[in-house]
C-alpha atoms as a PDB file:
ATOM      1  CA  MET A   1      -6.574  17.892   8.115  1.00  0.00           C
ATOM      2  CA  LEU A   2      -8.537  17.362   5.084  1.00  0.00           C
ATOM      3  CA  GLY A   3      -9.118  13.795   5.006  1.00  0.00           C
ATOM      4  CA  ARG A   4      -8.987  11.479   7.941  1.00  0.00           C
ATOM      5  CA  GLU A   5     -10.401   8.300   6.523  1.00  0.00           C
ATOM      6  CA  PRO A   6      -8.388   6.244   3.936  1.00  0.00           C
ATOM      7  CA  TYR A   7     -10.179   6.445   0.545  1.00  0.00           C
ATOM      8  CA  LEU A   8      -8.192   3.730  -1.520  1.00  0.00           C
ATOM      9  CA  ARG A   9      -8.306   0.240  -0.659  1.00  0.00           C
ATOM     10  CA  ALA A  10      -6.591  -2.832  -2.233  1.00  0.00           C
ATOM     11  CA  ASP A  11      -8.719  -5.674  -3.603  1.00  0.00           C
ATOM     12  CA  PRO A  12      -8.735  -8.306  -0.902  1.00  0.00           C
ATOM     13  CA  ALA A  13      -7.979 -11.242  -3.183  1.00  0.00           C
ATOM     14  CA  ARG A  14      -5.125  -9.640  -4.814  1.00  0.00           C
ATOM     15  CA  ALA A  15      -3.796  -8.441  -1.383  1.00  0.00           C
ATOM     16  CA  ALA A  16      -3.808 -11.948  -0.011  1.00  0.00           C
ATOM     17  CA  VAL A  17      -1.871 -13.156  -3.033  1.00  0.00           C
ATOM     18  CA  TRP A  18       0.972 -10.500  -2.542  1.00  0.00           C
ATOM     19  CA  LYS A  19       0.982 -10.882   1.261  1.00  0.00           C
ATOM     20  CA  GLU A  20       1.619 -14.656   0.717  1.00  0.00           C
ATOM     21  CA  ARG A  21       4.282 -13.902  -1.985  1.00  0.00           C
ATOM     22  CA  ILE A  22       6.209 -11.313  -0.011  1.00  0.00           C
ATOM     23  CA  GLY A  23       5.855 -13.482   3.204  1.00  0.00           C
ATOM     24  CA  ARG A  24       7.754 -16.230   1.416  1.00  0.00           C
ATOM     25  CA  LEU A  25      10.320 -13.909   0.039  1.00  0.00           C
ATOM     26  CA  THR A  26      11.183 -12.010   3.326  1.00  0.00           C
ATOM     27  CA  PRO A  27      12.336 -13.134   6.725  1.00  0.00           C
ATOM     28  CA  THR A  28       9.303 -13.981   8.978  1.00  0.00           C
ATOM     29  CA  ALA A  29      10.389 -11.611  11.912  1.00  0.00           C
ATOM     30  CA  SER A  30      11.453  -8.608   9.837  1.00  0.00           C
ATOM     31  CA  ARG A  31       9.897  -5.456   9.320  1.00  0.00           C
ATOM     32  CA  ARG A  32       8.870  -5.181   5.658  1.00  0.00           C
ATOM     33  CA  VAL A  33       9.707  -1.796   4.424  1.00  0.00           C
ATOM     34  CA  GLY A  34       8.682  -0.731   0.831  1.00  0.00           C
ATOM     35  CA  ILE A  35      11.249   1.435  -0.983  1.00  0.00           C
ATOM     36  CA  VAL A  36      10.953   3.559  -4.043  1.00  0.00           C
ATOM     37  CA  TRP A  37      13.995   5.793  -4.830  1.00  0.00           C
ATOM     38  CA  ALA A  38      13.132   7.347  -8.243  1.00  0.00           C
ATOM     39  CA  GLY A  39      10.390   8.838 -10.065  1.00  0.00           C
ATOM     40  CA  ARG A  40       9.306   9.041 -13.708  1.00  0.00           C
ATOM     41  CA  PRO A  41      12.510  10.275 -15.611  1.00  0.00           C
ATOM     42  CA  THR A  42      10.515  12.601 -17.799  1.00  0.00           C
ATOM     43  CA  HIS A  43       8.931  14.604 -14.792  1.00  0.00           C
ATOM     44  CA  ASN A  44      10.137  18.121 -15.039  1.00  0.00           C
ATOM     45  CA  ASN A  45      11.788  18.083 -11.403  1.00  0.00           C
ATOM     46  CA  ASP A  46      13.001  14.439 -11.493  1.00  0.00           C
ATOM     47  CA  ARG A  47      16.685  15.511 -11.280  1.00  0.00           C
ATOM     48  CA  TRP A  48      16.047  16.933  -7.880  1.00  0.00           C
ATOM     49  CA  ARG A  49      13.291  14.624  -6.528  1.00  0.00           C
ATOM     50  CA  SER A  50      14.727  11.199  -7.423  1.00  0.00           C
ATOM     51  CA  ALA A  51      17.568   9.639  -5.325  1.00  0.00           C
ATOM     52  CA  SER A  52      19.453   6.379  -5.933  1.00  0.00           C
ATOM     53  CA  LEU A  53      19.175   2.996  -4.197  1.00  0.00           C
ATOM     54  CA  ALA A  54      22.649   3.753  -2.707  1.00  0.00           C
ATOM     55  CA  ASP A  55      21.213   6.683  -0.852  1.00  0.00           C
ATOM     56  CA  PHE A  56      18.868   4.168   1.002  1.00  0.00           C
ATOM     57  CA  ALA A  57      21.980   2.477   2.586  1.00  0.00           C
ATOM     58  CA  PRO A  58      20.919   3.769   6.108  1.00  0.00           C
ATOM     59  CA  LEU A  59      17.784   1.710   5.853  1.00  0.00           C
ATOM     60  CA  ALA A  60      19.678  -1.341   4.605  1.00  0.00           C
ATOM     61  CA  ALA A  61      21.892  -1.290   7.580  1.00  0.00           C
ATOM     62  CA  LEU A  62      18.988  -1.425  10.087  1.00  0.00           C
ATOM     63  CA  PRO A  63      18.668  -4.808  11.919  1.00  0.00           C
ATOM     64  CA  GLY A  64      15.519  -6.828  11.479  1.00  0.00           C
ATOM     65  CA  VAL A  65      14.384  -4.908   8.313  1.00  0.00           C
ATOM     66  CA  ALA A  66      13.609  -6.471   4.758  1.00  0.00           C
ATOM     67  CA  LEU A  67      13.440  -4.060   1.926  1.00  0.00           C
ATOM     68  CA  VAL A  68      10.875  -4.563  -0.846  1.00  0.00           C
ATOM     69  CA  SER A  69      11.606  -2.641  -3.827  1.00  0.00           C
ATOM     70  CA  LEU A  70       8.452  -1.153  -5.646  1.00  0.00           C
ATOM     71  CA  GLN A  71      10.660   0.674  -8.023  1.00  0.00           C
ATOM     72  CA  LYS A  72       9.647   0.812 -11.703  1.00  0.00           C
ATOM     73  CA  GLY A  73      11.364   2.192 -14.638  1.00  0.00           C
ATOM     74  CA  PRO A  74      14.966   2.436 -15.630  1.00  0.00           C
ATOM     75  CA  ALA A  75      16.138   3.071 -12.043  1.00  0.00           C
ATOM     76  CA  ALA A  76      14.950  -0.339 -11.085  1.00  0.00           C
ATOM     77  CA  ALA A  77      18.160  -1.665 -12.560  1.00  0.00           C
ATOM     78  CA  GLN A  78      20.112  -0.429  -9.710  1.00  0.00           C
ATOM     79  CA  ALA A  79      18.791  -3.272  -7.578  1.00  0.00           C
ATOM     80  CA  GLY A  80      21.383  -5.431  -9.484  1.00  0.00           C
ATOM     81  CA  GLN A  81      24.103  -3.533  -7.675  1.00  0.00           C
ATOM     82  CA  TYR A  82      22.494  -3.687  -4.136  1.00  0.00           C
ATOM     83  CA  PHE A  83      25.009  -4.971  -1.430  1.00  0.00           C
ATOM     84  CA  GLY A  84      23.211  -3.895   1.724  1.00  0.00           C
ATOM     85  CA  ALA A  85      22.858  -5.834   4.943  1.00  0.00           C
ATOM     86  CA  ALA A  86      19.109  -6.073   4.752  1.00  0.00           C
ATOM     87  CA  PRO A  87      17.525  -8.552   2.332  1.00  0.00           C
ATOM     88  CA  LEU A  88      16.138  -6.752  -0.856  1.00  0.00           C
ATOM     89  CA  VAL A  89      13.125  -8.283  -2.563  1.00  0.00           C
ATOM     90  CA  ASN A  90      12.827  -6.612  -6.126  1.00  0.00           C
ATOM     91  CA  ILE A  91       9.229  -6.891  -7.274  1.00  0.00           C
ATOM     92  CA  GLY A  92       9.012  -3.711  -9.262  1.00  0.00           C
ATOM     93  CA  ALA A  93       9.077  -5.663 -12.479  1.00  0.00           C
ATOM     94  CA  GLU A  94       5.977  -7.684 -11.527  1.00  0.00           C
ATOM     95  CA  ILE A  95       3.754  -4.722 -10.695  1.00  0.00           C
ATOM     96  CA  VAL A  96       1.344  -4.381 -13.538  1.00  0.00           C
ATOM     97  CA  ASP A  97      -0.775  -1.394 -12.280  1.00  0.00           C
ATOM     98  CA  TYR A  98      -1.877   0.464  -9.377  1.00  0.00           C
ATOM     99  CA  GLU A  99      -4.136  -2.471  -8.076  1.00  0.00           C
ATOM    100  CA  ASP A 100      -0.923  -4.468  -7.721  1.00  0.00           C
ATOM    101  CA  THR A 101       0.710  -1.498  -5.890  1.00  0.00           C
ATOM    102  CA  MET A 102      -2.089  -1.126  -3.401  1.00  0.00           C
ATOM    103  CA  ALA A 103      -2.006  -4.976  -2.743  1.00  0.00           C
ATOM    104  CA  ILE A 104       1.660  -4.809  -2.037  1.00  0.00           C
ATOM    105  CA  LEU A 105       1.401  -1.974   0.231  1.00  0.00           C
ATOM    106  CA  GLU A 106      -1.188  -3.891   2.391  1.00  0.00           C
ATOM    107  CA  SER A 107       1.657  -6.499   2.912  1.00  0.00           C
ATOM    108  CA  LEU A 108       4.224  -3.860   4.178  1.00  0.00           C
ATOM    109  CA  ASP A 109       4.851  -2.484   7.549  1.00  0.00           C
ATOM    110  CA  MET A 110       5.645   0.998   6.046  1.00  0.00           C
ATOM    111  CA  LEU A 111       6.935   2.757   2.940  1.00  0.00           C
ATOM    112  CA  VAL A 112       9.860   4.954   2.476  1.00  0.00           C
ATOM    113  CA  THR A 113       9.757   6.767  -0.987  1.00  0.00           C
ATOM    114  CA  VAL A 114      10.853   9.887  -2.790  1.00  0.00           C
ATOM    115  CA  ASP A 115       8.156  12.082  -4.037  1.00  0.00           C
ATOM    116  CA  THR A 116       6.312   9.662  -6.320  1.00  0.00           C
ATOM    117  CA  SER A 117       2.853   8.522  -7.091  1.00  0.00           C
ATOM    118  CA  VAL A 118       3.314   5.459  -4.834  1.00  0.00           C
ATOM    119  CA  GLY A 119       3.666   7.680  -1.789  1.00  0.00           C
ATOM    120  CA  HIS A 120       0.273   9.240  -2.886  1.00  0.00           C
ATOM    121  CA  VAL A 121      -1.285   6.140  -3.249  1.00  0.00           C
ATOM    122  CA  ALA A 122       0.093   4.768   0.105  1.00  0.00           C
ATOM    123  CA  GLY A 123      -1.112   8.054   1.795  1.00  0.00           C
ATOM    124  CA  ALA A 124      -4.637   7.769   0.316  1.00  0.00           C
ATOM    125  CA  MET A 125      -4.750   4.234   1.654  1.00  0.00           C
ATOM    126  CA  GLY A 126      -3.819   5.408   5.196  1.00  0.00           C
ATOM    127  CA  ARG A 127      -0.472   3.375   5.156  1.00  0.00           C
ATOM    128  CA  LYS A 128       2.568   4.592   7.136  1.00  0.00           C
ATOM    129  CA  VAL A 129       4.739   6.504   4.784  1.00  0.00           C
ATOM    130  CA  PHE A 130       7.807   8.530   4.874  1.00  0.00           C
ATOM    131  CA  ILE A 131       8.116  10.787   1.968  1.00  0.00           C
ATOM    132  CA  LEU A 132      11.720  12.213   1.165  1.00  0.00           C
ATOM    133  CA  LEU A 133      11.366  15.588  -0.406  1.00  0.00           C
ATOM    134  CA  ALA A 134      13.770  17.452  -2.447  1.00  0.00           C
ATOM    135  CA  ARG A 135      14.934  20.851  -1.021  1.00  0.00           C
ATOM    136  CA  ALA A 136      12.535  22.777  -3.416  1.00  0.00           C
ATOM    137  CA  PRO A 137       9.654  20.291  -3.382  1.00  0.00           C
ATOM    138  CA  ASP A 138       6.429  20.244  -5.196  1.00  0.00           C
ATOM    139  CA  TRP A 139       4.027  22.926  -4.047  1.00  0.00           C
ATOM    140  CA  ARG A 140       1.523  20.217  -2.491  1.00  0.00           C
ATOM    141  CA  TRP A 141       3.924  19.504   0.235  1.00  0.00           C
ATOM    142  CA  LEU A 142       3.958  23.125   1.418  1.00  0.00           C
ATOM    143  CA  LEU A 143       6.976  24.561   3.273  1.00  0.00           C
ATOM    144  CA  ASP A 144       8.609  23.774   6.601  1.00  0.00           C
ATOM    145  CA  ARG A 145       6.288  20.933   7.517  1.00  0.00           C
ATOM    146  CA  THR A 146       6.668  17.222   8.426  1.00  0.00           C
ATOM    147  CA  ASP A 147       2.990  16.596   7.943  1.00  0.00           C
ATOM    148  CA  THR A 148       0.567  17.254   5.288  1.00  0.00           C
ATOM    149  CA  PRO A 149      -3.087  18.036   5.245  1.00  0.00           C
ATOM    150  CA  TRP A 150      -3.672  15.545   2.472  1.00  0.00           C
ATOM    151  CA  TYR A 151      -2.577  12.291   4.115  1.00  0.00           C
ATOM    152  CA  PRO A 152      -2.631  12.018   7.974  1.00  0.00           C
ATOM    153  CA  SER A 153      -0.408   8.837   7.833  1.00  0.00           C
ATOM    154  CA  VAL A 154       2.445  10.511   5.815  1.00  0.00           C
ATOM    155  CA  THR A 155       5.501  12.077   7.324  1.00  0.00           C
ATOM    156  CA  LEU A 156       7.618  14.311   5.239  1.00  0.00           C
ATOM    157  CA  ILE A 157      11.374  14.456   5.447  1.00  0.00           C
ATOM    158  CA  ARG A 158      13.125  17.129   3.665  1.00  0.00           C
ATOM    159  CA  GLN A 159      16.497  17.518   2.239  1.00  0.00           C
ATOM    160  CA  LYS A 160      18.651  20.056   4.078  1.00  0.00           C
ATOM    161  CA  ALA A 161      20.703  20.846   0.931  1.00  0.00           C
ATOM    162  CA  THR A 162      19.786  20.683  -2.626  1.00  0.00           C
ATOM    163  CA  GLY A 163      20.682  17.236  -4.145  1.00  0.00           C
ATOM    164  CA  VAL A 164      21.972  15.782  -1.017  1.00  0.00           C
ATOM    165  CA  TRP A 165      20.012  12.930   0.576  1.00  0.00           C
ATOM    166  CA  THR A 166      22.335  12.069   3.509  1.00  0.00           C
ATOM    167  CA  ASP A 167      20.419  14.015   6.267  1.00  0.00           C
ATOM    168  CA  ALA A 168      17.013  13.122   4.902  1.00  0.00           C
ATOM    169  CA  MET A 169      18.015   9.396   4.737  1.00  0.00           C
ATOM    170  CA  ALA A 170      19.516   9.286   8.196  1.00  0.00           C
ATOM    171  CA  THR A 171      16.233  10.729   9.518  1.00  0.00           C
ATOM    172  CA  ALA A 172      14.167   8.261   7.667  1.00  0.00           C
ATOM    173  CA  ALA A 173      16.378   5.394   9.056  1.00  0.00           C
ATOM    174  CA  LYS A 174      15.952   6.757  12.697  1.00  0.00           C
ATOM    175  CA  LEU A 175      11.996   6.900  12.196  1.00  0.00           C
ATOM    176  CA  VAL A 176      11.957   3.375  10.645  1.00  0.00           C
ATOM    177  CA  ALA A 177      14.037   2.130  13.562  1.00  0.00           C
ATOM    178  CA  GLN A 178      11.540   3.522  16.165  1.00  0.00           C
ATOM    179  CA  ARG A 179       8.568   1.890  14.529  1.00  0.00           C
END
């Protein structure tokens, strides 16, 4: 592995503010799972790497989980149609910069994301991350691996069929349930 030590850290004061806020918005005994289902729409591979919030339904069905959406951009509007069993706290619109993102990640138990910058930031912080990858992922993720030399705390979950997230999400839900 290339890097064993996290090299990004949240500002402690900002992390304390977000921890208190997320603590108020989620059930006390729940595992707080951050989610990001879509990347930047102008990315050349966004059509294949982004999912929908509906694809995250297996996570929403897990008992004792509260979902915290870090989703930004047009895809964040999907939160308005969310009807999952787990509470969903939609804070994406409140995130101003990566300092906020890092502070929020400090407050979460783990992150489940498609291949986005948030996954890279969480990995660089040493946070527990499950990154869902398209069948033909970005070269950085290499091939046929569930780990990555870039971030020891990241688990890669790959699509089995192009454009179909069902198996990858079932695997993610199983891994989250085990944590």
